[in-house]
Amino acid sequence: MDQEKVRYFTKRLLAEYDRIQQELGTYEQEITNLNSPSVHEYEEKSTLEEQKEFITGLLQHDTEELSAVRDALQKIMNGTYGICERCGNPIEEERLEAIPTCRYCKKCKEELEKEGVA
């Protein structure tokens, strides 16, 4: 991958990193607000638990995304970004464009899905 593309994907990944960090802060604040005593006066306990569970799911998802972004940025630093972790061939640029954090080329991803691994 040429240096221009590496810079392009680095910028995209850093922007995604910032977006996820902001979302995580928002979700954490929402959970704090749901734990506020005044909220309990107006909401049913089951509704509060459902809201907490939903936000916790979002937190988990974003935490996993953040980890994938960090891994991709580390690969850029190591010079291995855009290389399939399974076969070692370049990952298709269209695939990286759609999912900048992808770890496998299309062929390997399909094989892993058939095996029930990914």
C-alpha atoms as a PDB file:
ATOM      1  CA  MET A   1       0.000   0.000   0.000  1.00  0.00           C
ATOM      2  CA  ASP A   2       1.416   3.373  -0.934  1.00  0.00           C
ATOM      3  CA  GLN A   3       2.040   6.101   1.653  1.00  0.00           C
ATOM      4  CA  GLU A   4      -0.828   8.272   0.447  1.00  0.00           C
ATOM      5  CA  LYS A   5      -3.304   5.453   1.112  1.00  0.00           C
ATOM      6  CA  VAL A   6      -1.713   4.761   4.481  1.00  0.00           C
ATOM      7  CA  ARG A   7      -2.189   8.424   5.462  1.00  0.00           C
ATOM      8  CA  TYR A   8      -5.767   8.314   4.198  1.00  0.00           C
ATOM      9  CA  PHE A   9      -6.646   5.248   6.279  1.00  0.00           C
ATOM     10  CA  THR A  10      -4.783   6.635   9.290  1.00  0.00           C
ATOM     11  CA  LYS A  11      -6.953   9.764   9.188  1.00  0.00           C
ATOM     12  CA  ARG A  12     -10.118   7.677   8.846  1.00  0.00           C
ATOM     13  CA  LEU A  13      -9.149   5.448  11.738  1.00  0.00           C
ATOM     14  CA  LEU A  14      -8.222   8.395  13.967  1.00  0.00           C
ATOM     15  CA  ALA A  15     -11.564  10.075  13.187  1.00  0.00           C
ATOM     16  CA  GLU A  16     -13.350   6.813  14.052  1.00  0.00           C
ATOM     17  CA  TYR A  17     -11.340   6.594  17.278  1.00  0.00           C
ATOM     18  CA  ASP A  18     -12.431  10.103  18.289  1.00  0.00           C
ATOM     19  CA  ARG A  19     -16.071   9.377  17.415  1.00  0.00           C
ATOM     20  CA  ILE A  20     -16.128   6.216  19.496  1.00  0.00           C
ATOM     21  CA  GLN A  21     -14.447   7.936  22.447  1.00  0.00           C
ATOM     22  CA  GLN A  22     -17.154  10.619  22.393  1.00  0.00           C
ATOM     23  CA  GLU A  23     -19.904   8.000  22.242  1.00  0.00           C
ATOM     24  CA  LEU A  24     -18.389   6.101  25.158  1.00  0.00           C
ATOM     25  CA  GLY A  25     -18.373   9.273  27.235  1.00  0.00           C
ATOM     26  CA  THR A  26     -22.011   9.920  26.350  1.00  0.00           C
ATOM     27  CA  TYR A  27     -23.065   6.379  27.266  1.00  0.00           C
ATOM     28  CA  GLU A  28     -21.212   6.522  30.574  1.00  0.00           C
ATOM     29  CA  GLN A  29     -22.951   9.801  31.388  1.00  0.00           C
ATOM     30  CA  GLU A  30     -26.329   8.280  30.506  1.00  0.00           C
ATOM     31  CA  ILE A  31     -25.732   5.374  32.883  1.00  0.00           C
ATOM     32  CA  THR A  32     -24.698   7.827  35.605  1.00  0.00           C
ATOM     33  CA  ASN A  33     -27.908   9.773  35.008  1.00  0.00           C
ATOM     34  CA  LEU A  34     -29.984   6.586  35.184  1.00  0.00           C
ATOM     35  CA  ASN A  35     -28.406   5.813  38.552  1.00  0.00           C
ATOM     36  CA  SER A  36     -29.461   9.221  39.863  1.00  0.00           C
ATOM     37  CA  PRO A  37     -31.950   8.962  42.759  1.00  0.00           C
ATOM     38  CA  SER A  38     -34.312  11.514  41.197  1.00  0.00           C
ATOM     39  CA  VAL A  39     -34.729   9.328  38.111  1.00  0.00           C
ATOM     40  CA  HIS A  40     -35.946   6.441  40.241  1.00  0.00           C
ATOM     41  CA  GLU A  41     -38.878   8.511  41.437  1.00  0.00           C
ATOM     42  CA  TYR A  42     -40.253   8.887  37.915  1.00  0.00           C
ATOM     43  CA  GLU A  43     -39.337   5.671  36.182  1.00  0.00           C
ATOM     44  CA  GLU A  44     -40.296   2.103  36.836  1.00  0.00           C
ATOM     45  CA  LYS A  45     -37.422  -0.041  37.971  1.00  0.00           C
ATOM     46  CA  SER A  46     -37.855  -2.481  35.061  1.00  0.00           C
ATOM     47  CA  THR A  47     -37.718   0.374  32.545  1.00  0.00           C
ATOM     48  CA  LEU A  48     -34.523   1.680  34.138  1.00  0.00           C
ATOM     49  CA  GLU A  49     -32.944  -1.765  34.006  1.00  0.00           C
ATOM     50  CA  GLU A  50     -33.880  -2.129  30.330  1.00  0.00           C
ATOM     51  CA  GLN A  51     -32.333   1.254  29.559  1.00  0.00           C
ATOM     52  CA  LYS A  52     -29.163   0.365  31.490  1.00  0.00           C
ATOM     53  CA  GLU A  53     -28.927  -2.980  29.697  1.00  0.00           C
ATOM     54  CA  PHE A  54     -29.332  -1.303  26.303  1.00  0.00           C
ATOM     55  CA  ILE A  55     -26.684   1.332  27.054  1.00  0.00           C
ATOM     56  CA  THR A  56     -24.355  -1.323  28.458  1.00  0.00           C
ATOM     57  CA  GLY A  57     -24.702  -3.209  25.160  1.00  0.00           C
ATOM     58  CA  LEU A  58     -23.772  -0.049  23.272  1.00  0.00           C
ATOM     59  CA  LEU A  59     -20.779   0.433  25.562  1.00  0.00           C
ATOM     60  CA  GLN A  60     -19.635  -3.137  24.904  1.00  0.00           C
ATOM     61  CA  HIS A  61     -20.011  -2.732  21.143  1.00  0.00           C
ATOM     62  CA  ASP A  62     -18.120   0.558  21.078  1.00  0.00           C
ATOM     63  CA  THR A  63     -15.383  -0.840  23.323  1.00  0.00           C
ATOM     64  CA  GLU A  64     -14.881  -3.701  20.850  1.00  0.00           C
ATOM     65  CA  GLU A  65     -14.848  -1.232  17.946  1.00  0.00           C
ATOM     66  CA  LEU A  66     -12.303   0.924  19.752  1.00  0.00           C
ATOM     67  CA  SER A  67     -10.084  -2.108  20.236  1.00  0.00           C
ATOM     68  CA  ALA A  68     -10.307  -2.920  16.511  1.00  0.00           C
ATOM     69  CA  VAL A  69      -9.369   0.663  15.631  1.00  0.00           C
ATOM     70  CA  ARG A  70      -6.388   0.527  18.007  1.00  0.00           C
ATOM     71  CA  ASP A  71      -5.284  -2.759  16.429  1.00  0.00           C
ATOM     72  CA  ALA A  72      -5.542  -1.257  12.936  1.00  0.00           C
ATOM     73  CA  LEU A  73      -3.542   1.810  13.989  1.00  0.00           C
ATOM     74  CA  GLN A  74      -0.905  -0.465  15.512  1.00  0.00           C
ATOM     75  CA  LYS A  75      -0.696  -2.338  12.209  1.00  0.00           C
ATOM     76  CA  ILE A  76      -0.133   0.961  10.407  1.00  0.00           C
ATOM     77  CA  MET A  77       2.745   1.671  12.780  1.00  0.00           C
ATOM     78  CA  ASN A  78       4.146  -1.846  12.209  1.00  0.00           C
ATOM     79  CA  GLY A  79       3.750  -1.631   8.436  1.00  0.00           C
ATOM     80  CA  THR A  80       1.308  -4.562   8.331  1.00  0.00           C
ATOM     81  CA  TYR A  81      -1.932  -2.658   7.745  1.00  0.00           C
ATOM     82  CA  GLY A  82      -3.943  -4.021   4.839  1.00  0.00           C
ATOM     83  CA  ILE A  83      -2.355  -7.477   5.030  1.00  0.00           C
ATOM     84  CA  CYS A  84      -4.632 -10.470   5.666  1.00  0.00           C
ATOM     85  CA  GLU A  85      -3.880 -12.073   9.030  1.00  0.00           C
ATOM     86  CA  ARG A  86      -4.704 -15.505   7.650  1.00  0.00           C
ATOM     87  CA  CYS A  87      -3.016 -15.773   4.245  1.00  0.00           C
ATOM     88  CA  GLY A  88      -0.651 -12.793   4.261  1.00  0.00           C
ATOM     89  CA  ASN A  89      -1.972 -11.386   0.991  1.00  0.00           C
ATOM     90  CA  PRO A  90      -3.111  -7.778   0.611  1.00  0.00           C
ATOM     91  CA  ILE A  91      -6.681  -7.043   1.677  1.00  0.00           C
ATOM     92  CA  GLU A  92      -8.754  -5.634  -1.162  1.00  0.00           C
ATOM     93  CA  GLU A  93      -8.833  -1.838  -1.058  1.00  0.00           C
ATOM     94  CA  GLU A  94     -12.615  -1.812  -1.520  1.00  0.00           C
ATOM     95  CA  ARG A  95     -12.866  -3.962   1.601  1.00  0.00           C
ATOM     96  CA  LEU A  96     -10.640  -1.621   3.597  1.00  0.00           C
ATOM     97  CA  GLU A  97     -12.682   1.311   2.331  1.00  0.00           C
ATOM     98  CA  ALA A  98     -15.878  -0.306   3.641  1.00  0.00           C
ATOM     99  CA  ILE A  99     -14.343  -1.661   6.863  1.00  0.00           C
ATOM    100  CA  PRO A 100     -11.031   0.049   7.683  1.00  0.00           C
ATOM    101  CA  THR A 101     -10.509  -2.310  10.626  1.00  0.00           C
ATOM    102  CA  CYS A 102     -10.942  -5.559   8.684  1.00  0.00           C
ATOM    103  CA  ARG A 103      -8.369  -8.243   9.374  1.00  0.00           C
ATOM    104  CA  TYR A 104      -8.939 -10.651   6.508  1.00  0.00           C
ATOM    105  CA  CYS A 105      -9.163 -10.568   2.731  1.00  0.00           C
ATOM    106  CA  LYS A 106     -12.530 -11.427   1.216  1.00  0.00           C
ATOM    107  CA  LYS A 107     -11.590 -15.026   0.417  1.00  0.00           C
ATOM    108  CA  CYS A 108     -10.288 -15.781   3.921  1.00  0.00           C
ATOM    109  CA  LYS A 109     -13.249 -14.073   5.580  1.00  0.00           C
ATOM    110  CA  GLU A 110     -15.650 -16.220   3.538  1.00  0.00           C
ATOM    111  CA  GLU A 111     -13.705 -19.361   4.447  1.00  0.00           C
ATOM    112  CA  LEU A 112     -13.730 -18.435   8.136  1.00  0.00           C
ATOM    113  CA  GLU A 113     -17.477 -17.796   8.012  1.00  0.00           C
ATOM    114  CA  LYS A 114     -18.048 -21.220   6.397  1.00  0.00           C
ATOM    115  CA  GLU A 115     -15.986 -22.787   9.182  1.00  0.00           C
ATOM    116  CA  GLY A 116     -18.067 -20.877  11.728  1.00  0.00           C
ATOM    117  CA  VAL A 117     -15.022 -19.082  13.099  1.00  0.00           C
ATOM    118  CA  ALA A 118     -15.816 -15.507  12.074  1.00  0.00           C
END
